């Protein structure tokens, strides 16, 4: 069943992520959707959850109202619909890469351009909400979970790697860094999918609410494969 409650105490995007993590620990709750804009929280659970149970797992700063404001039937958009922004971004990255290399057709140069544009574009969306990105990222990235500062640095690291690949400056270092950085994230994504956890993907930051799906795993694997090709082919 799906229950929707009014929630007070949130003042930033990081609050959304924190409240979501707390409420996911409640027994019988399978999914949590928190909205800072509407001051609401929606729960999908196998049985009705009372507000006292919810408030017990929340810090005093956050309070659920005494009664649910609605009980609704879940209407989840299709996976393709939810991932439309990601597919659209990949389309534009491919078009830009083709425009830069259509005269020469050099495969190696095209790969470097695509990887560089990939990093720059994805870093841009993360920087739109720098405060909200680290908590969301730490939900599945093993290194960000253990070292929180890594989540804050990650968008700037992506920007640097993108510049290095586009300018062909220290490309070997950038490619090895790609293997390490995306390799760690891919491990976390794979574990999340294997455990069938329903969390949001932070690959495009928090501005676009993308679900964690196989598409996230594919995009990381594609980048790793291109880095390996460039290093060893």
Protein backbone atom coordinates (compact mmCIF):
# COMPACT_ATOMS: atom_id res chain seq x y z
CA UNK A 1 0.00 0.00 0.00
CA UNK A 2 0.98 3.62 -0.48
CA UNK A 3 0.68 6.21 2.30
CA UNK A 4 1.43 9.91 2.03
CA UNK A 5 2.20 12.09 5.07
CA UNK A 6 3.01 15.71 5.75
CA UNK A 7 6.59 16.11 6.98
CA UNK A 8 8.08 19.16 8.70
CA UNK A 9 11.66 20.18 9.42
CA UNK A 10 13.27 19.84 5.98
CA UNK A 11 15.10 22.84 4.56
CA UNK A 12 17.44 21.49 1.86
CA UNK A 13 17.93 18.64 -0.60
CA UNK A 14 20.28 16.83 1.76
CA UNK A 15 17.38 16.63 4.23
CA UNK A 16 15.43 14.66 1.61
CA UNK A 17 18.19 12.07 1.41
CA UNK A 18 18.61 11.84 5.19
CA UNK A 19 14.89 11.45 5.89
CA UNK A 20 14.64 8.83 3.16
CA UNK A 21 17.46 6.79 4.70
CA UNK A 22 15.88 6.94 8.17
CA UNK A 23 12.43 5.90 6.96
CA UNK A 24 13.80 2.99 4.92
CA UNK A 25 14.77 1.33 8.21
CA UNK A 26 11.10 1.03 9.24
CA UNK A 27 9.92 -2.60 9.00
CA UNK A 28 7.61 -3.44 6.08
CA UNK A 29 8.61 -0.26 4.16
CA UNK A 30 9.86 -1.09 0.66
CA UNK A 31 10.22 2.37 -0.86
CA UNK A 32 10.35 5.99 0.27
CA UNK A 33 9.77 9.17 -1.74
CA UNK A 34 10.49 12.47 0.05
CA UNK A 35 9.54 15.86 -1.40
CA UNK A 36 11.11 19.01 0.03
CA UNK A 37 8.97 21.19 -2.24
CA UNK A 38 5.67 19.74 -0.99
CA UNK A 39 6.84 18.89 2.57
CA UNK A 40 5.55 15.36 2.02
CA UNK A 41 6.74 11.80 2.30
CA UNK A 42 5.24 8.84 0.46
CA UNK A 43 5.75 5.29 1.66
CA UNK A 44 5.17 2.01 -0.11
CA UNK A 45 4.77 -0.76 2.45
CA UNK A 46 3.24 -4.17 2.91
CA UNK A 47 1.06 -2.90 5.79
CA UNK A 48 -0.16 0.40 7.22
CA UNK A 49 2.50 2.34 9.14
CA UNK A 50 1.46 4.64 11.99
CA UNK A 51 3.06 8.03 12.51
CA UNK A 52 4.48 7.10 15.92
CA UNK A 53 6.58 4.39 14.28
CA UNK A 54 7.83 6.84 11.68
CA UNK A 55 8.72 9.52 14.21
CA UNK A 56 10.63 7.01 16.32
CA UNK A 57 13.26 6.53 13.59
CA UNK A 58 13.52 10.25 12.73
CA UNK A 59 15.69 12.83 14.55
CA UNK A 60 13.71 15.38 16.56
CA UNK A 61 14.27 17.94 13.78
CA UNK A 62 11.89 16.07 11.45
CA UNK A 63 8.28 15.34 12.39
CA UNK A 64 5.55 13.41 10.62
CA UNK A 65 2.04 14.79 11.11
CA UNK A 66 -0.49 12.88 13.20
CA UNK A 67 -2.52 11.52 10.27
CA UNK A 68 -1.73 10.56 6.68
CA UNK A 69 -2.94 13.26 4.31
CA UNK A 70 -3.78 10.70 1.65
CA UNK A 71 -3.66 7.08 0.70
CA UNK A 72 -3.09 6.68 -3.00
CA UNK A 73 -2.55 3.93 -5.51
CA UNK A 74 1.02 3.95 -6.83
CA UNK A 75 1.29 5.16 -10.41
CA UNK A 76 4.91 4.62 -11.33
CA UNK A 77 5.99 5.85 -14.77
CA UNK A 78 7.55 3.27 -17.06
CA UNK A 79 11.29 2.72 -16.77
CA UNK A 80 11.84 4.13 -20.26
CA UNK A 81 9.90 7.27 -19.35
CA UNK A 82 11.91 7.76 -16.16
CA UNK A 83 15.20 7.34 -18.02
CA UNK A 84 14.27 9.68 -20.88
CA UNK A 85 16.60 12.51 -19.70
CA UNK A 86 19.55 10.09 -19.60
CA UNK A 87 18.86 8.77 -23.10
CA UNK A 88 18.42 12.31 -24.42
CA UNK A 89 21.76 13.35 -22.91
CA UNK A 90 23.51 10.37 -24.51
CA UNK A 91 21.96 11.29 -27.87
CA UNK A 92 23.42 14.80 -27.69
CA UNK A 93 26.81 13.48 -26.56
CA UNK A 94 26.92 11.14 -29.56
CA UNK A 95 25.88 13.98 -31.90
CA UNK A 96 28.58 16.27 -30.50
CA UNK A 97 31.20 13.55 -30.81
CA UNK A 98 30.21 12.91 -34.43
CA UNK A 99 30.33 16.64 -35.23
CA UNK A 100 33.87 16.87 -33.84
CA UNK A 101 35.19 13.83 -35.69
CA UNK A 102 33.12 13.25 -38.85
CA UNK A 103 35.88 14.58 -41.17
CA UNK A 104 38.69 12.46 -39.74
CA UNK A 105 36.75 9.49 -38.43
CA UNK A 106 39.54 8.69 -35.99
CA UNK A 107 38.14 6.17 -33.54
CA UNK A 108 40.61 6.93 -30.74
CA UNK A 109 39.99 10.67 -30.92
CA UNK A 110 36.22 10.15 -31.01
CA UNK A 111 36.37 7.98 -27.89
CA UNK A 112 38.40 10.58 -26.01
CA UNK A 113 35.98 13.32 -27.05
CA UNK A 114 32.95 11.27 -26.03
CA UNK A 115 34.46 10.44 -22.64
CA UNK A 116 35.47 14.05 -22.06
CA UNK A 117 32.02 15.36 -22.98
CA UNK A 118 30.45 12.65 -20.82
CA UNK A 119 32.37 13.82 -17.76
CA UNK A 120 31.69 17.52 -18.35
CA UNK A 121 27.95 17.02 -18.93
CA UNK A 122 27.44 14.73 -15.96
CA UNK A 123 29.49 17.00 -13.67
CA UNK A 124 27.31 19.96 -14.70
CA UNK A 125 24.13 18.29 -13.47
CA UNK A 126 25.79 17.25 -10.20
CA UNK A 127 26.94 20.82 -9.54
CA UNK A 128 23.37 22.12 -9.90
CA UNK A 129 22.78 20.82 -6.36
CA UNK A 130 26.19 20.30 -4.80
CA UNK A 131 24.73 20.04 -1.28
CA UNK A 132 22.21 17.38 -2.21
CA UNK A 133 24.51 15.25 -4.38
CA UNK A 134 26.91 13.78 -1.74
CA UNK A 135 24.19 12.16 0.45
CA UNK A 136 22.50 10.64 -2.62
CA UNK A 137 25.82 9.45 -4.05
CA UNK A 138 26.88 7.85 -0.76
CA UNK A 139 23.80 5.60 -0.86
CA UNK A 140 25.51 3.36 -3.41
CA UNK A 141 29.14 4.44 -3.96
CA UNK A 142 31.36 2.46 -1.52
CA UNK A 143 34.07 5.12 -1.27
CA UNK A 144 31.64 8.03 -0.77
CA UNK A 145 29.92 6.00 1.94
CA UNK A 146 33.19 5.54 3.87
CA UNK A 147 34.76 8.92 3.07
CA UNK A 148 32.00 11.58 2.84
CA UNK A 149 34.35 14.27 1.48
CA UNK A 150 34.75 12.15 -1.66
CA UNK A 151 31.12 12.87 -2.57
CA UNK A 152 31.81 16.61 -2.42
CA UNK A 153 34.96 16.31 -4.52
CA UNK A 154 33.52 13.92 -7.11
CA UNK A 155 31.82 16.49 -9.43
CA UNK A 156 35.04 18.52 -9.59
CA UNK A 157 37.03 15.35 -10.26
CA UNK A 158 34.71 14.57 -13.17
CA UNK A 159 35.20 18.10 -14.50
CA UNK A 160 38.99 17.74 -14.31
CA UNK A 161 38.95 14.36 -16.05
CA UNK A 162 36.71 15.77 -18.79
CA UNK A 163 39.09 18.67 -19.41
CA UNK A 164 42.10 16.33 -19.46
CA UNK A 165 40.50 14.07 -22.06
CA UNK A 166 39.21 16.89 -24.28
CA UNK A 167 42.55 18.73 -24.27
CA UNK A 168 44.57 15.50 -24.54
CA UNK A 169 46.54 16.50 -21.46
CA UNK A 170 47.86 13.52 -19.47
CA UNK A 171 45.30 11.27 -21.12
CA UNK A 172 46.91 8.10 -19.77
CA UNK A 173 46.47 9.33 -16.19
CA UNK A 174 42.88 10.35 -16.97
CA UNK A 175 42.12 6.90 -18.41
CA UNK A 176 43.58 5.08 -15.41
CA UNK A 177 41.63 7.41 -13.11
CA UNK A 178 38.48 6.52 -15.08
CA UNK A 179 39.05 2.84 -14.40
CA UNK A 180 39.46 3.47 -10.67
CA UNK A 181 36.71 6.06 -10.16
CA UNK A 182 34.02 4.44 -12.28
CA UNK A 183 35.13 0.96 -11.24
CA UNK A 184 34.35 1.77 -7.60
CA UNK A 185 30.99 3.29 -8.50
CA UNK A 186 30.09 0.35 -10.75
CA UNK A 187 30.68 -2.09 -7.90
CA UNK A 188 28.25 -0.10 -5.74
CA UNK A 189 25.66 0.09 -8.53
CA UNK A 190 25.91 -3.66 -9.15
CA UNK A 191 25.39 -4.43 -5.46
CA UNK A 192 22.39 -2.10 -5.33
CA UNK A 193 20.77 -3.79 -8.31
CA UNK A 194 21.53 -7.29 -6.98
CA UNK A 195 19.94 -6.38 -3.63
CA UNK A 196 16.93 -4.95 -5.52
CA UNK A 197 17.14 -1.68 -3.61
CA UNK A 198 14.93 1.11 -4.92
CA UNK A 199 17.02 4.28 -4.68
CA UNK A 200 17.62 7.27 -6.89
CA UNK A 201 20.63 7.40 -9.17
CA UNK A 202 22.84 10.45 -8.62
CA UNK A 203 24.58 10.17 -12.00
CA UNK A 204 22.75 13.32 -13.13
CA UNK A 205 22.71 14.85 -9.66
CA UNK A 206 19.51 15.42 -7.74
CA UNK A 207 17.89 17.87 -10.16
CA UNK A 208 16.62 14.96 -12.27
CA UNK A 209 15.04 12.14 -10.28
CA UNK A 210 16.36 9.06 -12.06
CA UNK A 211 15.85 5.55 -10.66
CA UNK A 212 18.81 3.24 -10.16
CA UNK A 213 18.52 0.81 -13.08
CA UNK A 214 20.61 -1.33 -15.39
CA UNK A 215 21.13 1.80 -17.53
CA UNK A 216 23.40 3.23 -14.83
CA UNK A 217 25.45 0.05 -14.88
CA UNK A 218 25.64 0.10 -18.68
CA UNK A 219 26.83 3.71 -18.89
CA UNK A 220 29.61 3.10 -16.37
CA UNK A 221 30.62 -0.15 -18.05
CA UNK A 222 30.76 1.62 -21.43
CA UNK A 223 33.14 4.25 -20.08
CA UNK A 224 35.32 1.59 -18.45
CA UNK A 225 35.40 -0.42 -21.68
CA UNK A 226 36.49 2.61 -23.70
CA UNK A 227 39.20 3.44 -21.15
CA UNK A 228 40.51 -0.13 -21.32
CA UNK A 229 40.48 -0.03 -25.13
CA UNK A 230 42.42 3.23 -25.20
CA UNK A 231 45.00 1.93 -22.72
CA UNK A 232 45.66 -1.52 -24.13
CA UNK A 233 44.45 -1.65 -27.76
